[in-house]
Every structure is written in structure tokens, then in C-alpha cells.
C-alpha atoms as a PDB file:
ATOM      1  CA  MET A   1      -3.423 -10.103  -2.419  1.00  0.00           C
ATOM      2  CA  ILE A   2      -2.123  -7.008  -4.190  1.00  0.00           C
ATOM      3  CA  CYS A   3      -0.207  -7.549  -7.390  1.00  0.00           C
ATOM      4  CA  PHE A   4       1.104  -4.811  -9.653  1.00  0.00           C
ATOM      5  CA  ASN A   5       1.220  -5.488 -13.384  1.00  0.00           C
ATOM      6  CA  VAL A   6       0.842  -2.598 -15.799  1.00  0.00           C
ATOM      7  CA  ARG A   7      -0.143  -5.018 -18.547  1.00  0.00           C
ATOM      8  CA  SER A   8      -3.490  -5.841 -16.923  1.00  0.00           C
ATOM      9  CA  ASP A   9      -5.025  -2.373 -16.518  1.00  0.00           C
ATOM     10  CA  TYR A  10      -2.621   0.527 -17.056  1.00  0.00           C
ATOM     11  CA  ASN A  11       0.223   1.050 -19.449  1.00  0.00           C
ATOM     12  CA  ILE A  12       3.450   2.343 -17.968  1.00  0.00           C
ATOM     13  CA  ILE A  13       2.910   5.958 -18.996  1.00  0.00           C
ATOM     14  CA  THR A  14      -0.548   6.031 -17.420  1.00  0.00           C
ATOM     15  CA  TYR A  15       0.805   4.479 -14.228  1.00  0.00           C
ATOM     16  CA  LYS A  16       3.617   7.026 -14.109  1.00  0.00           C
ATOM     17  CA  GLU A  17       1.101   9.870 -14.263  1.00  0.00           C
ATOM     18  CA  LEU A  18      -1.073   8.269 -11.576  1.00  0.00           C
ATOM     19  CA  LEU A  19       1.999   8.056  -9.382  1.00  0.00           C
ATOM     20  CA  ARG A  20       2.826  11.712 -10.013  1.00  0.00           C
ATOM     21  CA  GLU A  21      -0.694  12.699  -8.915  1.00  0.00           C
ATOM     22  CA  GLU A  22      -0.554  10.543  -5.777  1.00  0.00           C
ATOM     23  CA  LEU A  23       2.712  12.184  -4.746  1.00  0.00           C
ATOM     24  CA  LYS A  24       0.992  15.587  -4.792  1.00  0.00           C
ATOM     25  CA  LYS A  25      -1.468  14.435  -2.129  1.00  0.00           C
ATOM     26  CA  ASP A  26      -0.898  14.038   1.603  1.00  0.00           C
ATOM     27  CA  LEU A  27       1.789  11.386   1.983  1.00  0.00           C
ATOM     28  CA  PRO A  28       1.571   8.329   4.269  1.00  0.00           C
ATOM     29  CA  GLY A  29       4.498   9.793   6.228  1.00  0.00           C
ATOM     30  CA  THR A  30       6.115   8.644   9.448  1.00  0.00           C
ATOM     31  CA  GLU A  31       3.472   6.049  10.274  1.00  0.00           C
ATOM     32  CA  ALA A  32       4.210   4.186   7.048  1.00  0.00           C
ATOM     33  CA  GLN A  33       7.989   4.547   7.461  1.00  0.00           C
ATOM     34  CA  TYR A  34       8.030   3.113  10.974  1.00  0.00           C
ATOM     35  CA  LYS A  35       6.274  -0.087   9.915  1.00  0.00           C
ATOM     36  CA  MET A  36       9.747  -1.183   8.763  1.00  0.00           C
ATOM     37  CA  ALA A  37      11.768   0.353  11.582  1.00  0.00           C
ATOM     38  CA  PRO A  38      14.068  -1.849  13.703  1.00  0.00           C
ATOM     39  CA  GLY A  39      12.639  -2.619  17.121  1.00  0.00           C
ATOM     40  CA  LEU A  40      15.018  -0.252  18.943  1.00  0.00           C
ATOM     41  CA  ARG A  41      14.421   2.745  16.722  1.00  0.00           C
ATOM     42  CA  LEU A  42      12.879   5.707  18.529  1.00  0.00           C
ATOM     43  CA  HIS A  43      11.014   8.692  17.120  1.00  0.00           C
ATOM     44  CA  ILE A  44      13.742  11.304  17.376  1.00  0.00           C
ATOM     45  CA  LYS A  45      13.300  14.768  15.895  1.00  0.00           C
ATOM     46  CA  PRO A  46      16.101  16.251  13.785  1.00  0.00           C
ATOM     47  CA  ASN A  47      18.629  18.555  15.446  1.00  0.00           C
ATOM     48  CA  THR A  48      19.015  22.157  14.373  1.00  0.00           C
ATOM     49  CA  ASP A  49      22.375  21.265  12.802  1.00  0.00           C
ATOM     50  CA  VAL A  50      20.999  18.323  10.807  1.00  0.00           C
ATOM     51  CA  LYS A  51      22.664  17.609   7.462  1.00  0.00           C
ATOM     52  CA  LYS A  52      20.413  17.268   4.413  1.00  0.00           C
ATOM     53  CA  ALA A  53      20.676  14.396   1.969  1.00  0.00           C
ATOM     54  CA  ALA A  54      18.645  12.822  -0.815  1.00  0.00           C
ATOM     55  CA  VAL A  55      18.232   9.411  -2.425  1.00  0.00           C
ATOM     56  CA  LEU A  56      16.753   8.507  -5.789  1.00  0.00           C
ATOM     57  CA  ILE A  57      13.999   5.972  -6.353  1.00  0.00           C
ATOM     58  CA  LEU A  58      14.603   5.512 -10.069  1.00  0.00           C
ATOM     59  CA  LEU A  59      11.778   3.833 -11.988  1.00  0.00           C
ATOM     60  CA  TYR A  60      12.198   2.523 -15.519  1.00  0.00           C
ATOM     61  CA  PRO A  61      10.396   0.127 -17.881  1.00  0.00           C
ATOM     62  CA  ASN A  62      11.602  -3.451 -17.806  1.00  0.00           C
ATOM     63  CA  GLY A  63       9.413  -5.661 -19.967  1.00  0.00           C
ATOM     64  CA  ASP A  64       5.807  -4.888 -19.108  1.00  0.00           C
ATOM     65  CA  SER A  65       6.548  -3.720 -15.563  1.00  0.00           C
ATOM     66  CA  LEU A  66       8.453  -0.986 -13.761  1.00  0.00           C
ATOM     67  CA  SER A  67      11.764  -1.681 -12.062  1.00  0.00           C
ATOM     68  CA  ILE A  68      13.845   0.031  -9.407  1.00  0.00           C
ATOM     69  CA  VAL A  69      17.602  -0.163  -8.766  1.00  0.00           C
ATOM     70  CA  PHE A  70      19.448  -0.441  -5.450  1.00  0.00           C
ATOM     71  CA  ILE A  71      23.151  -0.413  -4.674  1.00  0.00           C
ATOM     72  CA  ARG A  72      25.162  -2.565  -2.281  1.00  0.00           C
ATOM     73  CA  ARG A  73      27.948  -0.710  -0.582  1.00  0.00           C
ATOM     74  CA  PRO A  74      31.350  -2.258   0.185  1.00  0.00           C
ATOM     75  CA  LYS A  75      32.262  -3.482   3.632  1.00  0.00           C
ATOM     76  CA  TYR A  76      34.263  -1.010   5.671  1.00  0.00           C
ATOM     77  CA  ILE A  77      34.521   0.276   9.213  1.00  0.00           C
ATOM     78  CA  GLY A  78      31.410   2.398   9.412  1.00  0.00           C
ATOM     79  CA  ILE A  79      27.677   2.481  10.067  1.00  0.00           C
ATOM     80  CA  HIS A  80      26.564   1.676   6.508  1.00  0.00           C
ATOM     81  CA  SER A  81      29.074  -1.081   5.775  1.00  0.00           C
ATOM     82  CA  GLY A  82      27.782  -3.619   3.258  1.00  0.00           C
ATOM     83  CA  GLN A  83      24.233  -2.307   3.338  1.00  0.00           C
ATOM     84  CA  ILE A  84      21.789  -2.216   0.436  1.00  0.00           C
ATOM     85  CA  SER A  85      20.579   1.298  -0.203  1.00  0.00           C
ATOM     86  CA  LEU A  86      19.199   3.651  -2.795  1.00  0.00           C
ATOM     87  CA  PRO A  87      21.677   5.780  -4.751  1.00  0.00           C
ATOM     88  CA  GLY A  88      22.134   9.142  -3.096  1.00  0.00           C
ATOM     89  CA  GLY A  89      24.139  11.182  -0.650  1.00  0.00           C
ATOM     90  CA  LYS A  90      24.673  14.453   1.151  1.00  0.00           C
ATOM     91  CA  MET A  91      23.490  17.756  -0.257  1.00  0.00           C
ATOM     92  CA  GLU A  92      26.343  19.954  -1.430  1.00  0.00           C
ATOM     93  CA  GLN A  93      26.554  23.727  -1.353  1.00  0.00           C
ATOM     94  CA  ASN A  94      26.112  24.057  -5.117  1.00  0.00           C
ATOM     95  CA  ASP A  95      22.968  21.886  -5.242  1.00  0.00           C
ATOM     96  CA  SER A  96      19.956  24.113  -5.882  1.00  0.00           C
ATOM     97  CA  ASP A  97      17.554  21.619  -4.312  1.00  0.00           C
ATOM     98  CA  LEU A  98      17.334  18.033  -3.073  1.00  0.00           C
ATOM     99  CA  ALA A  99      16.227  16.692  -6.457  1.00  0.00           C
ATOM    100  CA  VAL A 100      19.504  17.984  -7.865  1.00  0.00           C
ATOM    101  CA  THR A 101      21.338  16.236  -5.027  1.00  0.00           C
ATOM    102  CA  ALA A 102      19.627  12.913  -5.751  1.00  0.00           C
ATOM    103  CA  LEU A 103      20.325  13.149  -9.490  1.00  0.00           C
ATOM    104  CA  ARG A 104      23.956  14.198  -9.040  1.00  0.00           C
ATOM    105  CA  GLU A 105      24.669  11.388  -6.610  1.00  0.00           C
ATOM    106  CA  ALA A 106      22.878   8.801  -8.756  1.00  0.00           C
ATOM    107  CA  GLU A 107      24.841   9.899 -11.814  1.00  0.00           C
ATOM    108  CA  GLU A 108      28.067   9.429  -9.855  1.00  0.00           C
ATOM    109  CA  GLU A 109      27.135   6.108  -8.257  1.00  0.00           C
ATOM    110  CA  ILE A 110      25.232   4.235 -10.975  1.00  0.00           C
ATOM    111  CA  GLY A 111      26.206   6.079 -14.146  1.00  0.00           C
ATOM    112  CA  ILE A 112      22.828   7.384 -15.289  1.00  0.00           C
ATOM    113  CA  ASN A 113      22.445  10.614 -17.257  1.00  0.00           C
ATOM    114  CA  ARG A 114      20.674  13.022 -14.937  1.00  0.00           C
ATOM    115  CA  ASN A 115      19.170  14.854 -17.914  1.00  0.00           C
ATOM    116  CA  ASP A 116      17.216  11.724 -18.851  1.00  0.00           C
ATOM    117  CA  VAL A 117      15.363  11.592 -15.524  1.00  0.00           C
ATOM    118  CA  GLU A 118      11.876  13.022 -15.120  1.00  0.00           C
ATOM    119  CA  ILE A 119      11.135  13.934 -11.494  1.00  0.00           C
ATOM    120  CA  LEU A 120       7.700  12.725 -10.373  1.00  0.00           C
ATOM    121  CA  GLY A 121       7.772  13.950  -6.783  1.00  0.00           C
ATOM    122  CA  GLN A 122       9.166  13.252  -3.338  1.00  0.00           C
ATOM    123  CA  LEU A 123       8.312  11.151  -0.305  1.00  0.00           C
ATOM    124  CA  SER A 124       8.473  12.257   3.339  1.00  0.00           C
ATOM    125  CA  PRO A 125      11.939  13.120   4.674  1.00  0.00           C
ATOM    126  CA  LEU A 126      13.406  10.517   7.033  1.00  0.00           C
ATOM    127  CA  PHE A 127      15.715  11.484   9.896  1.00  0.00           C
ATOM    128  CA  ILE A 128      18.622   9.098  10.485  1.00  0.00           C
ATOM    129  CA  PRO A 129      19.913   9.824  14.001  1.00  0.00           C
ATOM    130  CA  VAL A 130      23.123   7.784  13.800  1.00  0.00           C
ATOM    131  CA  SER A 131      24.429   9.984  10.962  1.00  0.00           C
ATOM    132  CA  ASN A 132      22.399  13.127  11.803  1.00  0.00           C
ATOM    133  CA  MET A 133      21.011  13.116   8.257  1.00  0.00           C
ATOM    134  CA  LEU A 134      17.582  14.198   7.078  1.00  0.00           C
ATOM    135  CA  VAL A 135      17.094  12.173   3.894  1.00  0.00           C
ATOM    136  CA  SER A 136      14.575  13.158   1.235  1.00  0.00           C
ATOM    137  CA  PRO A 137      13.539  10.363  -1.163  1.00  0.00           C
ATOM    138  CA  VAL A 138      13.119  11.692  -4.711  1.00  0.00           C
ATOM    139  CA  ILE A 139      11.170   9.641  -7.248  1.00  0.00           C
ATOM    140  CA  GLY A 140      12.318   9.790 -10.849  1.00  0.00           C
ATOM    141  CA  TYR A 141      11.438   8.069 -14.106  1.00  0.00           C
ATOM    142  CA  VAL A 142      13.377   7.314 -17.274  1.00  0.00           C
ATOM    143  CA  ALA A 143      11.641   6.235 -20.465  1.00  0.00           C
ATOM    144  CA  ALA A 144      14.048   3.364 -21.229  1.00  0.00           C
ATOM    145  CA  LYS A 145      16.081   1.015 -19.095  1.00  0.00           C
ATOM    146  CA  PRO A 146      19.403   2.762 -18.375  1.00  0.00           C
ATOM    147  CA  VAL A 147      22.827   1.309 -18.961  1.00  0.00           C
ATOM    148  CA  PHE A 148      24.249   1.315 -15.449  1.00  0.00           C
ATOM    149  CA  TYR A 149      27.887   1.806 -14.469  1.00  0.00           C
ATOM    150  CA  ALA A 150      28.642   1.137 -10.810  1.00  0.00           C
ATOM    151  CA  GLN A 151      31.083   3.576  -9.214  1.00  0.00           C
ATOM    152  CA  GLN A 152      34.225   1.673  -8.268  1.00  0.00           C
ATOM    153  CA  GLY A 153      35.056   1.844  -4.596  1.00  0.00           C
ATOM    154  CA  GLU A 154      31.580   3.037  -3.619  1.00  0.00           C
ATOM    155  CA  VAL A 155      29.284   0.408  -5.140  1.00  0.00           C
ATOM    156  CA  VAL A 156      30.058  -3.319  -5.259  1.00  0.00           C
ATOM    157  CA  GLU A 157      26.782  -4.470  -6.798  1.00  0.00           C
ATOM    158  CA  LEU A 158      23.645  -3.139  -8.480  1.00  0.00           C
ATOM    159  CA  ILE A 159      20.374  -4.850  -7.590  1.00  0.00           C
ATOM    160  CA  GLU A 160      17.390  -4.480  -9.916  1.00  0.00           C
ATOM    161  CA  THR A 161      13.865  -5.626  -9.140  1.00  0.00           C
ATOM    162  CA  SER A 162      10.326  -4.929 -10.284  1.00  0.00           C
ATOM    163  CA  ILE A 163       8.306  -2.782  -7.892  1.00  0.00           C
ATOM    164  CA  GLU A 164       5.658  -5.496  -7.696  1.00  0.00           C
ATOM    165  CA  GLU A 165       8.116  -7.554  -5.623  1.00  0.00           C
ATOM    166  CA  PHE A 166       7.524  -5.205  -2.700  1.00  0.00           C
ATOM    167  CA  LEU A 167       3.798  -5.902  -2.798  1.00  0.00           C
ATOM    168  CA  ARG A 168       3.839  -9.684  -2.923  1.00  0.00           C
ATOM    169  CA  PRO A 169       2.760 -11.714   0.136  1.00  0.00           C
ATOM    170  CA  GLY A 170       5.622 -12.859   2.352  1.00  0.00           C
ATOM    171  CA  VAL A 171       8.132 -10.296   1.132  1.00  0.00           C
ATOM    172  CA  ILE A 172       8.383  -8.745   4.627  1.00  0.00           C
ATOM    173  CA  GLN A 173      10.260 -10.902   7.102  1.00  0.00           C
ATOM    174  CA  ASP A 174      12.243 -10.243  10.279  1.00  0.00           C
ATOM    175  CA  LYS A 175      15.429 -11.319  11.969  1.00  0.00           C
ATOM    176  CA  ILE A 176      17.419 -10.650  15.124  1.00  0.00           C
ATOM    177  CA  LYS A 177      20.358  -8.266  14.736  1.00  0.00           C
ATOM    178  CA  ILE A 178      22.781  -6.725  17.179  1.00  0.00           C
ATOM    179  CA  ILE A 179      22.390  -2.969  16.927  1.00  0.00           C
ATOM    180  CA  ARG A 180      24.647  -0.884  19.156  1.00  0.00           C
ATOM    181  CA  PHE A 181      25.351  -3.914  21.339  1.00  0.00           C
ATOM    182  CA  THR A 182      21.640  -4.680  21.798  1.00  0.00           C
ATOM    183  CA  ARG A 183      19.543  -7.454  20.290  1.00  0.00           C
ATOM    184  CA  ALA A 184      16.703  -6.075  18.170  1.00  0.00           C
ATOM    185  CA  ILE A 185      13.986  -7.474  15.943  1.00  0.00           C
ATOM    186  CA  VAL A 186      14.603  -6.044  12.489  1.00  0.00           C
ATOM    187  CA  PRO A 187      11.990  -6.236   9.706  1.00  0.00           C
ATOM    188  CA  TYR A 188      13.317  -6.453   6.166  1.00  0.00           C
ATOM    189  CA  TYR A 189      12.234  -6.974   2.580  1.00  0.00           C
ATOM    190  CA  ASN A 190      13.479 -10.269   1.191  1.00  0.00           C
ATOM    191  CA  ILE A 191      14.076  -9.460  -2.474  1.00  0.00           C
ATOM    192  CA  HIS A 192      15.568 -12.408  -4.354  1.00  0.00           C
ATOM    193  CA  GLY A 193      17.545 -13.305  -1.229  1.00  0.00           C
ATOM    194  CA  TYR A 194      18.781  -9.754  -0.613  1.00  0.00           C
ATOM    195  CA  HIS A 195      17.779  -8.237   2.723  1.00  0.00           C
ATOM    196  CA  ILE A 196      16.724  -4.584   2.506  1.00  0.00           C
ATOM    197  CA  TRP A 197      16.341  -3.117   5.985  1.00  0.00           C
ATOM    198  CA  GLY A 198      16.928   0.010   8.023  1.00  0.00           C
ATOM    199  CA  ALA A 199      16.376   3.459   6.536  1.00  0.00           C
ATOM    200  CA  THR A 200      16.052   2.092   2.994  1.00  0.00           C
ATOM    201  CA  ALA A 201      13.276  -0.284   4.048  1.00  0.00           C
ATOM    202  CA  MET A 202      11.512   2.563   5.864  1.00  0.00           C
ATOM    203  CA  ILE A 203      11.586   4.670   2.702  1.00  0.00           C
ATOM    204  CA  ILE A 204      10.303   1.785   0.587  1.00  0.00           C
ATOM    205  CA  SER A 205       7.542   1.172   3.143  1.00  0.00           C
ATOM    206  CA  GLU A 206       6.096   4.610   2.474  1.00  0.00           C
ATOM    207  CA  PHE A 207       6.587   4.156  -1.270  1.00  0.00           C
ATOM    208  CA  THR A 208       4.630   0.884  -1.276  1.00  0.00           C
ATOM    209  CA  GLU A 209       1.732   2.556   0.527  1.00  0.00           C
ATOM    210  CA  VAL A 210       1.588   5.104  -2.299  1.00  0.00           C
ATOM    211  CA  LEU A 211       1.544   2.201  -4.788  1.00  0.00           C
ATOM    212  CA  GLN A 212      -1.273   0.577  -2.835  1.00  0.00           C
ATOM    213  CA  ARG A 213      -3.316   3.764  -3.187  1.00  0.00           C
ATOM    214  CA  ILE A 214      -3.001   3.429  -6.953  1.00  0.00           C
ATOM    215  CA  GLU A 215      -4.021  -0.221  -6.732  1.00  0.00           C
ATOM    216  CA  SER A 216      -7.178   0.825  -4.895  1.00  0.00           C
ATOM    217  CA  LEU A 217      -8.203   2.865  -7.958  1.00  0.00           C
ATOM    218  CA  ARG A 218      -8.500  -0.218 -10.161  1.00  0.00           C
END
């Protein structure tokens, strides 16, 4: 059993620096991502005209642990209707890099101040064929729990959880979903009754493997 609690061995600042160092090393990559891929998902390489995007894994102190925030999008006619995701979006022409994209989008969607965020590193890009997006997960840290403001029309709910939830036994479950008119087995993280699956789960899968590396140092 792996259980993260900064109180037992590391304080939050020490853990943050350990995470920064781990992100400089070779990342777990595609193999880790595809542990949480739906059964029908194929390894498809990005097209030459792929659009770049970024999401923010925002870490912040919450009690004696670190938390992360997700957003739930409204229901609409589209591929991401009602899904739980990380704040983020498409890279714009004026963005100097993908970290800027992630911070700009997070500021718009959840109301954080981008200047308060310390960038720790990035995870492996993930190609999303259905939207032709190559998404780069950016990991950031703020020294105090932010006051969030959900963007009306784009975000219907903010979901906060400690990162240790993703490491507890039984958190990964699966269900049958209809994807493009085909039944598929879909793994998901069951976080307080919320089902995190798809590209977001694949990103978190790689993130948890980085956390497990830190756990192995104890």
C-alpha cells in the first residue's frame, strides 16, 4: 500500500522540490498514460497539422497534504460534454510557451492569479486524436490555497482532492461505455464518487507514477 502524507516524512516544501527534481528526469511517458486508456484507444501519432494545448496540474497546500483541482464542464453537443478535466485549453498565437498557455487558461477558468504559480515542470505530451490536440500537462504550485472563481458558462463545478487519493487501493475502477457507437471497457479514477477518465485519467496516470518514484525514496 502506498500512502502519501507529507506530515510523516517530508514537509510540503521539501516534497515540492523532490517533485521538481523528478520531473527533470526521464518521464514514465506513454506506457504510464495508456494504463488508463479506454479499451478502444489506439496508439496514433500526431498529424503534422496538430494543434497544441496545455493543461495545469495545480498543487497547493490543504491542511498537511497537497491538493489538486479539476473542473467539470457543462453538458453540450460535443466530445467533451460534461467531462471532468484539468483547467487548460488551446495554445494561442501570443502565448510564448505551453506553460503560459496553461496559466492563462487556468486564470480564465478557475480564477487563479497566474503570477502566484511556480512552475515545477511538465509531463509527457498526450495526443488526443478526436480533437487533433497535442496536450502538454504543466505542473504548478502555489504557496497557499487559492480562492477559486469558476468561469460561468465553461465550468459548472470545481472538484478538489488531495493527491494521495490517486494512490489509495481501489481508486482505479472500470465500466462499460459506448464510445463512437462501440462498447468499450473504460478505466477511471473514482474520486469521492466522481469518475475521472479519458485523457485526464491518462495524464494523472503518468503523474501518479512520478509520485510513486518519490515514495520509493522514503
